[in-house]
Amino acid sequence: MNYNWDWSVLFCFVEDPVSSCTQPFFYWIVSGFGWTISVAAAAWVIAFSLGSVIGVLRTVENPYLRGFATVYVTIFRNIPLLVQMFLWFFVFPELLPDEAGKWVKRGMPLPEFWTAVVCLGTYTASRVGEQVRAGIEAITQGQRYAAMAMGLRPVQVYRYILLPVSYRIIIPPLTSDFLGVFKNSSLALTIGVLELTAQTRQIEEYTFQGFEAFTAATLLYIVVTAIVMAVMRVVEGRVVIPGMISLGAK
């Protein structure tokens, strides 16, 4: 079957249903890409911060804190992300008091955006937590004991010894987790966020030129992931610890 590609369709003007102004379809692609980056970046802040805490709690001696972190990881890693998206958007507001629930659903600025951010952030935090735990446990016990013998408190041992070293070890899996957040942001379209995939589908519905629209979106996804991978490979090479399993271990 022959298909005539018509890239000019992306530069045709149409009335934007959201802003009620005339914009080219290409503007929809740019707008969706901006929302994708915003969702992924905000979610990663939550994922990295919360995941670091969860990862540390998974290695402490207190059984209650360690148990809490284990339960968190087990729950969030084993519920499909799409189900979690719907739970955060449709179910969670109903569990709150009436006024709080109404604010979350309608009064909060950009409720769809922030719901997607929280969902992606808390889900990815469970994965980041496991990476941090693995990084900490990859460090020999001798370093921990040496730090404690020098008089460092447990908090200081994590702050000055374990975490700085573990983050340098787990750069590759953390890069994969960030790319996962970036790609999983496409699920935000299911609750009304007009990110890149949603805008692409909208262009397809208007023009019936799905090949052009989805090819443009695919190229943007590939470009961003390639840039992130290249940058993090350089970072990994600069902070590599000789003897550790990483880019420069060879």
C-alpha atoms as a PDB file:
ATOM      1  CA  MET A   1       0.000   0.000   0.000  1.00  0.00           C
ATOM      2  CA  ASN A   2       1.409   3.368  -1.025  1.00  0.00           C
ATOM      3  CA  TYR A   3       1.048   6.313   1.325  1.00  0.00           C
ATOM      4  CA  ASN A   4       1.757   9.900   0.345  1.00  0.00           C
ATOM      5  CA  TRP A   5       3.393  11.713   3.233  1.00  0.00           C
ATOM      6  CA  ASP A   6       2.169  15.268   3.636  1.00  0.00           C
ATOM      7  CA  TRP A   7       4.253  17.107   6.225  1.00  0.00           C
ATOM      8  CA  SER A   8       2.651  20.432   5.310  1.00  0.00           C
ATOM      9  CA  VAL A   9      -0.412  19.374   7.275  1.00  0.00           C
ATOM     10  CA  LEU A  10       1.480  20.095  10.512  1.00  0.00           C
ATOM     11  CA  PHE A  11       1.754  23.747   9.501  1.00  0.00           C
ATOM     12  CA  CYS A  12      -1.886  24.216   8.522  1.00  0.00           C
ATOM     13  CA  PHE A  13      -3.813  26.651  10.697  1.00  0.00           C
ATOM     14  CA  VAL A  14      -6.783  25.596  12.775  1.00  0.00           C
ATOM     15  CA  GLU A  15      -8.732  27.006  15.706  1.00  0.00           C
ATOM     16  CA  ASP A  16      -7.363  25.720  18.971  1.00  0.00           C
ATOM     17  CA  PRO A  17     -10.316  24.319  20.983  1.00  0.00           C
ATOM     18  CA  VAL A  18      -8.639  25.262  24.260  1.00  0.00           C
ATOM     19  CA  SER A  19      -7.544  28.841  23.634  1.00  0.00           C
ATOM     20  CA  SER A  20     -10.070  29.611  20.836  1.00  0.00           C
ATOM     21  CA  CYS A  21      -7.319  31.156  18.716  1.00  0.00           C
ATOM     22  CA  THR A  22      -5.947  30.183  15.336  1.00  0.00           C
ATOM     23  CA  GLN A  23      -2.735  28.155  15.586  1.00  0.00           C
ATOM     24  CA  PRO A  24      -0.881  25.743  13.275  1.00  0.00           C
ATOM     25  CA  PHE A  25      -1.002  22.062  14.129  1.00  0.00           C
ATOM     26  CA  PHE A  26       2.729  22.269  14.749  1.00  0.00           C
ATOM     27  CA  TYR A  27       1.966  24.574  17.674  1.00  0.00           C
ATOM     28  CA  TRP A  28      -0.064  21.751  19.212  1.00  0.00           C
ATOM     29  CA  ILE A  29       2.984  19.497  18.955  1.00  0.00           C
ATOM     30  CA  VAL A  30       5.166  22.124  20.653  1.00  0.00           C
ATOM     31  CA  SER A  31       2.551  22.762  23.346  1.00  0.00           C
ATOM     32  CA  GLY A  32       2.168  19.048  24.058  1.00  0.00           C
ATOM     33  CA  PHE A  33       5.933  18.621  24.196  1.00  0.00           C
ATOM     34  CA  GLY A  34       6.134  21.421  26.747  1.00  0.00           C
ATOM     35  CA  TRP A  35       3.533  19.752  28.957  1.00  0.00           C
ATOM     36  CA  THR A  36       5.353  16.427  28.639  1.00  0.00           C
ATOM     37  CA  ILE A  37       8.608  17.988  29.821  1.00  0.00           C
ATOM     38  CA  SER A  38       6.800  19.785  32.664  1.00  0.00           C
ATOM     39  CA  VAL A  39       5.082  16.627  33.899  1.00  0.00           C
ATOM     40  CA  ALA A  40       8.265  14.547  33.668  1.00  0.00           C
ATOM     41  CA  ALA A  41      10.480  17.144  35.384  1.00  0.00           C
ATOM     42  CA  ALA A  42       8.067  17.792  38.266  1.00  0.00           C
ATOM     43  CA  ALA A  43       7.421  14.079  38.749  1.00  0.00           C
ATOM     44  CA  TRP A  44      11.157  13.360  38.802  1.00  0.00           C
ATOM     45  CA  VAL A  45      11.680  15.857  41.620  1.00  0.00           C
ATOM     46  CA  ILE A  46       9.154  13.912  43.700  1.00  0.00           C
ATOM     47  CA  ALA A  47      10.494  10.538  42.592  1.00  0.00           C
ATOM     48  CA  PHE A  48      14.132  11.318  43.357  1.00  0.00           C
ATOM     49  CA  SER A  49      13.438  13.006  46.711  1.00  0.00           C
ATOM     50  CA  LEU A  50      10.911  10.491  48.004  1.00  0.00           C
ATOM     51  CA  GLY A  51      12.760   7.555  46.467  1.00  0.00           C
ATOM     52  CA  SER A  52      15.983   8.539  48.225  1.00  0.00           C
ATOM     53  CA  VAL A  53      14.173   8.554  51.568  1.00  0.00           C
ATOM     54  CA  ILE A  54      12.541   5.200  50.845  1.00  0.00           C
ATOM     55  CA  GLY A  55      15.867   3.725  49.779  1.00  0.00           C
ATOM     56  CA  VAL A  56      17.566   4.857  52.980  1.00  0.00           C
ATOM     57  CA  LEU A  57      14.721   3.519  55.122  1.00  0.00           C
ATOM     58  CA  ARG A  58      15.093   0.155  53.401  1.00  0.00           C
ATOM     59  CA  THR A  59      18.624  -0.116  54.850  1.00  0.00           C
ATOM     60  CA  VAL A  60      18.196   1.211  58.409  1.00  0.00           C
ATOM     61  CA  GLU A  61      18.210  -1.052  61.435  1.00  0.00           C
ATOM     62  CA  ASN A  62      14.812   0.088  62.743  1.00  0.00           C
ATOM     63  CA  PRO A  63      12.396  -2.711  61.722  1.00  0.00           C
ATOM     64  CA  TYR A  64       9.337  -0.416  61.658  1.00  0.00           C
ATOM     65  CA  LEU A  65      10.891   2.114  59.293  1.00  0.00           C
ATOM     66  CA  ARG A  66      12.312  -0.657  57.154  1.00  0.00           C
ATOM     67  CA  GLY A  67       8.936  -2.391  57.104  1.00  0.00           C
ATOM     68  CA  PHE A  68       7.136   0.811  56.100  1.00  0.00           C
ATOM     69  CA  ALA A  69       9.524   1.335  53.198  1.00  0.00           C
ATOM     70  CA  THR A  70       9.146  -2.293  52.112  1.00  0.00           C
ATOM     71  CA  VAL A  71       5.346  -2.038  52.108  1.00  0.00           C
ATOM     72  CA  TYR A  72       5.520   1.200  50.108  1.00  0.00           C
ATOM     73  CA  VAL A  73       7.753  -0.352  47.455  1.00  0.00           C
ATOM     74  CA  THR A  74       5.639  -3.504  47.280  1.00  0.00           C
ATOM     75  CA  ILE A  75       2.371  -1.616  46.806  1.00  0.00           C
ATOM     76  CA  PHE A  76       3.482   1.018  44.328  1.00  0.00           C
ATOM     77  CA  ARG A  77       5.606  -1.306  42.188  1.00  0.00           C
ATOM     78  CA  ASN A  78       2.902  -3.965  41.835  1.00  0.00           C
ATOM     79  CA  ILE A  79      -0.111  -1.842  40.917  1.00  0.00           C
ATOM     80  CA  PRO A  80      -0.207  -0.930  37.198  1.00  0.00           C
ATOM     81  CA  LEU A  81       0.577   2.716  36.599  1.00  0.00           C
ATOM     82  CA  LEU A  82      -2.626   3.313  34.635  1.00  0.00           C
ATOM     83  CA  VAL A  83      -4.677   1.979  37.550  1.00  0.00           C
ATOM     84  CA  GLN A  84      -2.793   4.267  39.930  1.00  0.00           C
ATOM     85  CA  MET A  85      -3.494   7.225  37.634  1.00  0.00           C
ATOM     86  CA  PHE A  86      -7.231   6.530  37.807  1.00  0.00           C
ATOM     87  CA  LEU A  87      -7.112   5.949  41.569  1.00  0.00           C
ATOM     88  CA  TRP A  88      -5.392   9.299  42.179  1.00  0.00           C
ATOM     89  CA  PHE A  89      -7.762  11.175  39.876  1.00  0.00           C
ATOM     90  CA  PHE A  90     -11.138   9.538  40.490  1.00  0.00           C
ATOM     91  CA  VAL A  91     -10.957   7.743  43.848  1.00  0.00           C
ATOM     92  CA  PHE A  92      -8.594   9.705  46.100  1.00  0.00           C
ATOM     93  CA  PRO A  93     -10.640  12.968  46.050  1.00  0.00           C
ATOM     94  CA  GLU A  94     -13.729  10.994  47.114  1.00  0.00           C
ATOM     95  CA  LEU A  95     -11.933   9.745  50.227  1.00  0.00           C
ATOM     96  CA  LEU A  96     -11.239  13.275  51.456  1.00  0.00           C
ATOM     97  CA  PRO A  97     -13.662  15.503  53.376  1.00  0.00           C
ATOM     98  CA  ASP A  98     -16.200  17.194  51.082  1.00  0.00           C
ATOM     99  CA  GLU A  99     -14.515  20.590  50.921  1.00  0.00           C
ATOM    100  CA  ALA A 100     -11.046  19.148  50.434  1.00  0.00           C
ATOM    101  CA  GLY A 101     -12.308  16.741  47.789  1.00  0.00           C
ATOM    102  CA  LYS A 102     -14.022  19.533  45.836  1.00  0.00           C
ATOM    103  CA  TRP A 103     -10.855  21.627  45.981  1.00  0.00           C
ATOM    104  CA  VAL A 104      -8.724  18.750  44.674  1.00  0.00           C
ATOM    105  CA  LYS A 105     -11.160  18.068  41.821  1.00  0.00           C
ATOM    106  CA  ARG A 106     -12.105  21.602  40.797  1.00  0.00           C
ATOM    107  CA  GLY A 107     -10.583  24.303  42.984  1.00  0.00           C
ATOM    108  CA  MET A 108      -6.928  23.324  42.693  1.00  0.00           C
ATOM    109  CA  PRO A 109      -5.098  24.941  39.758  1.00  0.00           C
ATOM    110  CA  LEU A 110      -4.480  22.415  36.963  1.00  0.00           C
ATOM    111  CA  PRO A 111      -5.829  19.377  38.853  1.00  0.00           C
ATOM    112  CA  GLU A 112      -5.112  16.986  35.955  1.00  0.00           C
ATOM    113  CA  PHE A 113      -1.498  18.139  35.714  1.00  0.00           C
ATOM    114  CA  TRP A 114      -0.758  17.856  39.421  1.00  0.00           C
ATOM    115  CA  THR A 115      -2.543  14.511  39.694  1.00  0.00           C
ATOM    116  CA  ALA A 116      -0.344  13.147  36.910  1.00  0.00           C
ATOM    117  CA  VAL A 117       2.767  14.575  38.575  1.00  0.00           C
ATOM    118  CA  VAL A 118       1.961  13.041  41.972  1.00  0.00           C
ATOM    119  CA  CYS A 119       1.023   9.695  40.442  1.00  0.00           C
ATOM    120  CA  LEU A 120       4.163   9.429  38.325  1.00  0.00           C
ATOM    121  CA  GLY A 121       6.333  10.730  41.169  1.00  0.00           C
ATOM    122  CA  THR A 122       5.089   8.307  43.828  1.00  0.00           C
ATOM    123  CA  TYR A 123       5.157   5.360  41.422  1.00  0.00           C
ATOM    124  CA  THR A 124       8.710   6.050  40.237  1.00  0.00           C
ATOM    125  CA  ALA A 125       9.837   6.733  43.820  1.00  0.00           C
ATOM    126  CA  SER A 126       9.362   3.034  44.552  1.00  0.00           C
ATOM    127  CA  ARG A 127      11.760   2.192  41.727  1.00  0.00           C
ATOM    128  CA  VAL A 128      14.268   4.878  42.732  1.00  0.00           C
ATOM    129  CA  GLY A 129      14.099   3.607  46.302  1.00  0.00           C
ATOM    130  CA  GLU A 130      15.164   0.153  45.176  1.00  0.00           C
ATOM    131  CA  GLN A 131      18.046   1.622  43.182  1.00  0.00           C
ATOM    132  CA  VAL A 132      19.229   3.641  46.194  1.00  0.00           C
ATOM    133  CA  ARG A 133      18.947   0.584  48.442  1.00  0.00           C
ATOM    134  CA  ALA A 134      20.982  -1.482  45.986  1.00  0.00           C
ATOM    135  CA  GLY A 135      23.604   1.264  45.758  1.00  0.00           C
ATOM    136  CA  ILE A 136      23.960   1.489  49.527  1.00  0.00           C
ATOM    137  CA  GLU A 137      24.190  -2.282  49.925  1.00  0.00           C
ATOM    138  CA  ALA A 138      26.843  -2.416  47.198  1.00  0.00           C
ATOM    139  CA  ILE A 139      29.186  -0.484  49.492  1.00  0.00           C
ATOM    140  CA  THR A 140      31.298  -2.699  51.723  1.00  0.00           C
ATOM    141  CA  GLN A 141      30.436  -2.762  55.409  1.00  0.00           C
ATOM    142  CA  GLY A 142      34.011  -1.765  56.172  1.00  0.00           C
ATOM    143  CA  GLN A 143      33.344   1.816  55.069  1.00  0.00           C
ATOM    144  CA  ARG A 144      30.337   2.061  57.371  1.00  0.00           C
ATOM    145  CA  TYR A 145      32.258   0.651  60.313  1.00  0.00           C
ATOM    146  CA  ALA A 146      35.246   2.893  59.629  1.00  0.00           C
ATOM    147  CA  ALA A 147      33.023   5.970  59.604  1.00  0.00           C
ATOM    148  CA  MET A 148      31.372   4.967  62.873  1.00  0.00           C
ATOM    149  CA  ALA A 149      34.782   4.261  64.402  1.00  0.00           C
ATOM    150  CA  MET A 150      35.735   7.849  63.561  1.00  0.00           C
ATOM    151  CA  GLY A 151      32.797   9.044  65.682  1.00  0.00           C
ATOM    152  CA  LEU A 152      30.273   9.811  62.935  1.00  0.00           C
ATOM    153  CA  ARG A 153      26.623   9.400  63.849  1.00  0.00           C
ATOM    154  CA  PRO A 154      24.419   7.151  61.644  1.00  0.00           C
ATOM    155  CA  VAL A 155      22.891  10.184  59.892  1.00  0.00           C
ATOM    156  CA  GLN A 156      26.371  11.517  59.146  1.00  0.00           C
ATOM    157  CA  VAL A 157      27.469   8.111  57.837  1.00  0.00           C
ATOM    158  CA  TYR A 158      24.647   8.212  55.275  1.00  0.00           C
ATOM    159  CA  ARG A 159      25.196  11.875  54.446  1.00  0.00           C
ATOM    160  CA  TYR A 160      28.962  11.864  54.001  1.00  0.00           C
ATOM    161  CA  ILE A 161      29.812   8.255  53.101  1.00  0.00           C
ATOM    162  CA  LEU A 162      27.011   6.008  51.886  1.00  0.00           C
ATOM    163  CA  LEU A 163      24.779   8.279  49.818  1.00  0.00           C
ATOM    164  CA  PRO A 164      27.517  10.158  47.893  1.00  0.00           C
ATOM    165  CA  VAL A 165      29.120   6.865  46.894  1.00  0.00           C
ATOM    166  CA  SER A 166      25.863   5.036  46.143  1.00  0.00           C
ATOM    167  CA  TYR A 167      24.547   7.811  43.864  1.00  0.00           C
ATOM    168  CA  ARG A 168      27.726   7.564  41.795  1.00  0.00           C
ATOM    169  CA  ILE A 169      27.214   3.820  41.454  1.00  0.00           C
ATOM    170  CA  ILE A 170      23.552   3.942  40.423  1.00  0.00           C
ATOM    171  CA  ILE A 171      23.710   6.649  37.759  1.00  0.00           C
ATOM    172  CA  PRO A 172      22.800   4.199  34.927  1.00  0.00           C
ATOM    173  CA  PRO A 173      19.612   2.816  36.568  1.00  0.00           C
ATOM    174  CA  LEU A 174      18.602   6.317  37.699  1.00  0.00           C
ATOM    175  CA  THR A 175      18.927   7.446  34.088  1.00  0.00           C
ATOM    176  CA  SER A 176      16.627   4.617  33.046  1.00  0.00           C
ATOM    177  CA  ASP A 177      14.127   5.622  35.724  1.00  0.00           C
ATOM    178  CA  PHE A 178      14.094   9.229  34.520  1.00  0.00           C
ATOM    179  CA  LEU A 179      13.528   8.098  30.949  1.00  0.00           C
ATOM    180  CA  GLY A 180      10.729   5.907  32.283  1.00  0.00           C
ATOM    181  CA  VAL A 181       9.072   8.961  33.839  1.00  0.00           C
ATOM    182  CA  PHE A 182       9.435  10.844  30.563  1.00  0.00           C
ATOM    183  CA  LYS A 183       7.844   8.058  28.548  1.00  0.00           C
ATOM    184  CA  ASN A 184       5.177   7.197  31.132  1.00  0.00           C
ATOM    185  CA  SER A 185       4.000  10.815  31.078  1.00  0.00           C
ATOM    186  CA  SER A 186       2.022   9.825  27.978  1.00  0.00           C
ATOM    187  CA  LEU A 187      -0.467   8.111  30.311  1.00  0.00           C
ATOM    188  CA  ALA A 188      -1.454  11.551  31.589  1.00  0.00           C
ATOM    189  CA  LEU A 189      -3.645  11.880  28.499  1.00  0.00           C
ATOM    190  CA  THR A 190      -6.091   9.445  30.134  1.00  0.00           C
ATOM    191  CA  ILE A 191      -7.045  12.071  32.722  1.00  0.00           C
ATOM    192  CA  GLY A 192      -7.073  15.047  30.362  1.00  0.00           C
ATOM    193  CA  VAL A 193      -3.507  16.385  30.267  1.00  0.00           C
ATOM    194  CA  LEU A 194      -2.809  17.625  26.727  1.00  0.00           C
ATOM    195  CA  GLU A 195       0.753  16.346  26.600  1.00  0.00           C
ATOM    196  CA  LEU A 196       2.587  15.268  23.461  1.00  0.00           C
ATOM    197  CA  THR A 197       0.737  12.013  22.796  1.00  0.00           C
ATOM    198  CA  ALA A 198      -2.658  13.592  23.464  1.00  0.00           C
ATOM    199  CA  GLN A 199      -1.960  16.481  21.096  1.00  0.00           C
ATOM    200  CA  THR A 200      -0.736  14.035  18.463  1.00  0.00           C
ATOM    201  CA  ARG A 201      -3.941  12.048  18.671  1.00  0.00           C
ATOM    202  CA  GLN A 202      -5.909  15.277  18.424  1.00  0.00           C
ATOM    203  CA  ILE A 203      -4.061  16.217  15.230  1.00  0.00           C
ATOM    204  CA  GLU A 204      -4.819  12.777  13.807  1.00  0.00           C
ATOM    205  CA  GLU A 205      -8.518  13.242  14.533  1.00  0.00           C
ATOM    206  CA  TYR A 206      -8.546  16.638  12.805  1.00  0.00           C
ATOM    207  CA  THR A 207      -6.463  15.765   9.746  1.00  0.00           C
ATOM    208  CA  PHE A 208      -6.485  11.949   9.422  1.00  0.00           C
ATOM    209  CA  GLN A 209      -2.712  12.269   8.881  1.00  0.00           C
ATOM    210  CA  GLY A 210      -1.646  10.023  11.730  1.00  0.00           C
ATOM    211  CA  PHE A 211       1.656   8.989  10.169  1.00  0.00           C
ATOM    212  CA  GLU A 212       2.995  12.519  10.074  1.00  0.00           C
ATOM    213  CA  ALA A 213       1.745  13.446  13.543  1.00  0.00           C
ATOM    214  CA  PHE A 214       2.982  10.337  15.306  1.00  0.00           C
ATOM    215  CA  THR A 215       6.291  10.388  13.439  1.00  0.00           C
ATOM    216  CA  ALA A 216       6.904  13.941  14.648  1.00  0.00           C
ATOM    217  CA  ALA A 217       6.054  12.928  18.215  1.00  0.00           C
ATOM    218  CA  THR A 218       8.253   9.844  17.993  1.00  0.00           C
ATOM    219  CA  LEU A 219      11.211  11.894  16.816  1.00  0.00           C
ATOM    220  CA  LEU A 220      10.793  14.263  19.766  1.00  0.00           C
ATOM    221  CA  TYR A 221      10.754  11.335  22.208  1.00  0.00           C
ATOM    222  CA  ILE A 222      13.872   9.869  20.586  1.00  0.00           C
ATOM    223  CA  VAL A 223      15.741  13.191  20.589  1.00  0.00           C
ATOM    224  CA  VAL A 224      15.076  13.833  24.290  1.00  0.00           C
ATOM    225  CA  THR A 225      15.999  10.313  25.371  1.00  0.00           C
ATOM    226  CA  ALA A 226      19.168  10.392  23.251  1.00  0.00           C
ATOM    227  CA  ILE A 227      20.234  13.730  24.755  1.00  0.00           C
ATOM    228  CA  VAL A 228      19.596  12.528  28.311  1.00  0.00           C
ATOM    229  CA  MET A 229      21.515   9.301  27.718  1.00  0.00           C
ATOM    230  CA  ALA A 230      24.468  11.153  26.191  1.00  0.00           C
ATOM    231  CA  VAL A 231      24.628  13.692  29.017  1.00  0.00           C
ATOM    232  CA  MET A 232      24.344  11.070  31.753  1.00  0.00           C
ATOM    233  CA  ARG A 233      27.009   8.935  30.090  1.00  0.00           C
ATOM    234  CA  VAL A 234      29.385  11.883  30.306  1.00  0.00           C
ATOM    235  CA  VAL A 235      28.407  12.466  33.937  1.00  0.00           C
ATOM    236  CA  GLU A 236      28.905   8.783  34.714  1.00  0.00           C
ATOM    237  CA  GLY A 237      32.356   8.860  33.171  1.00  0.00           C
ATOM    238  CA  ARG A 238      33.376  11.878  35.246  1.00  0.00           C
ATOM    239  CA  VAL A 239      32.201  10.577  38.621  1.00  0.00           C
ATOM    240  CA  VAL A 240      33.083   6.921  38.114  1.00  0.00           C
ATOM    241  CA  ILE A 241      34.670   5.130  41.069  1.00  0.00           C
ATOM    242  CA  PRO A 242      37.561   2.873  40.000  1.00  0.00           C
ATOM    243  CA  GLY A 243      36.783  -0.766  40.722  1.00  0.00           C
ATOM    244  CA  MET A 244      33.026  -0.315  40.798  1.00  0.00           C
ATOM    245  CA  ILE A 245      30.710  -1.817  38.175  1.00  0.00           C
ATOM    246  CA  SER A 246      30.086   1.195  35.980  1.00  0.00           C
ATOM    247  CA  LEU A 247      31.182   2.851  32.781  1.00  0.00           C
ATOM    248  CA  GLY A 248      34.798   3.242  33.788  1.00  0.00           C
ATOM    249  CA  ALA A 249      35.205  -0.018  35.705  1.00  0.00           C
ATOM    250  CA  LYS A 250      36.869  -1.595  32.714  1.00  0.00           C
END
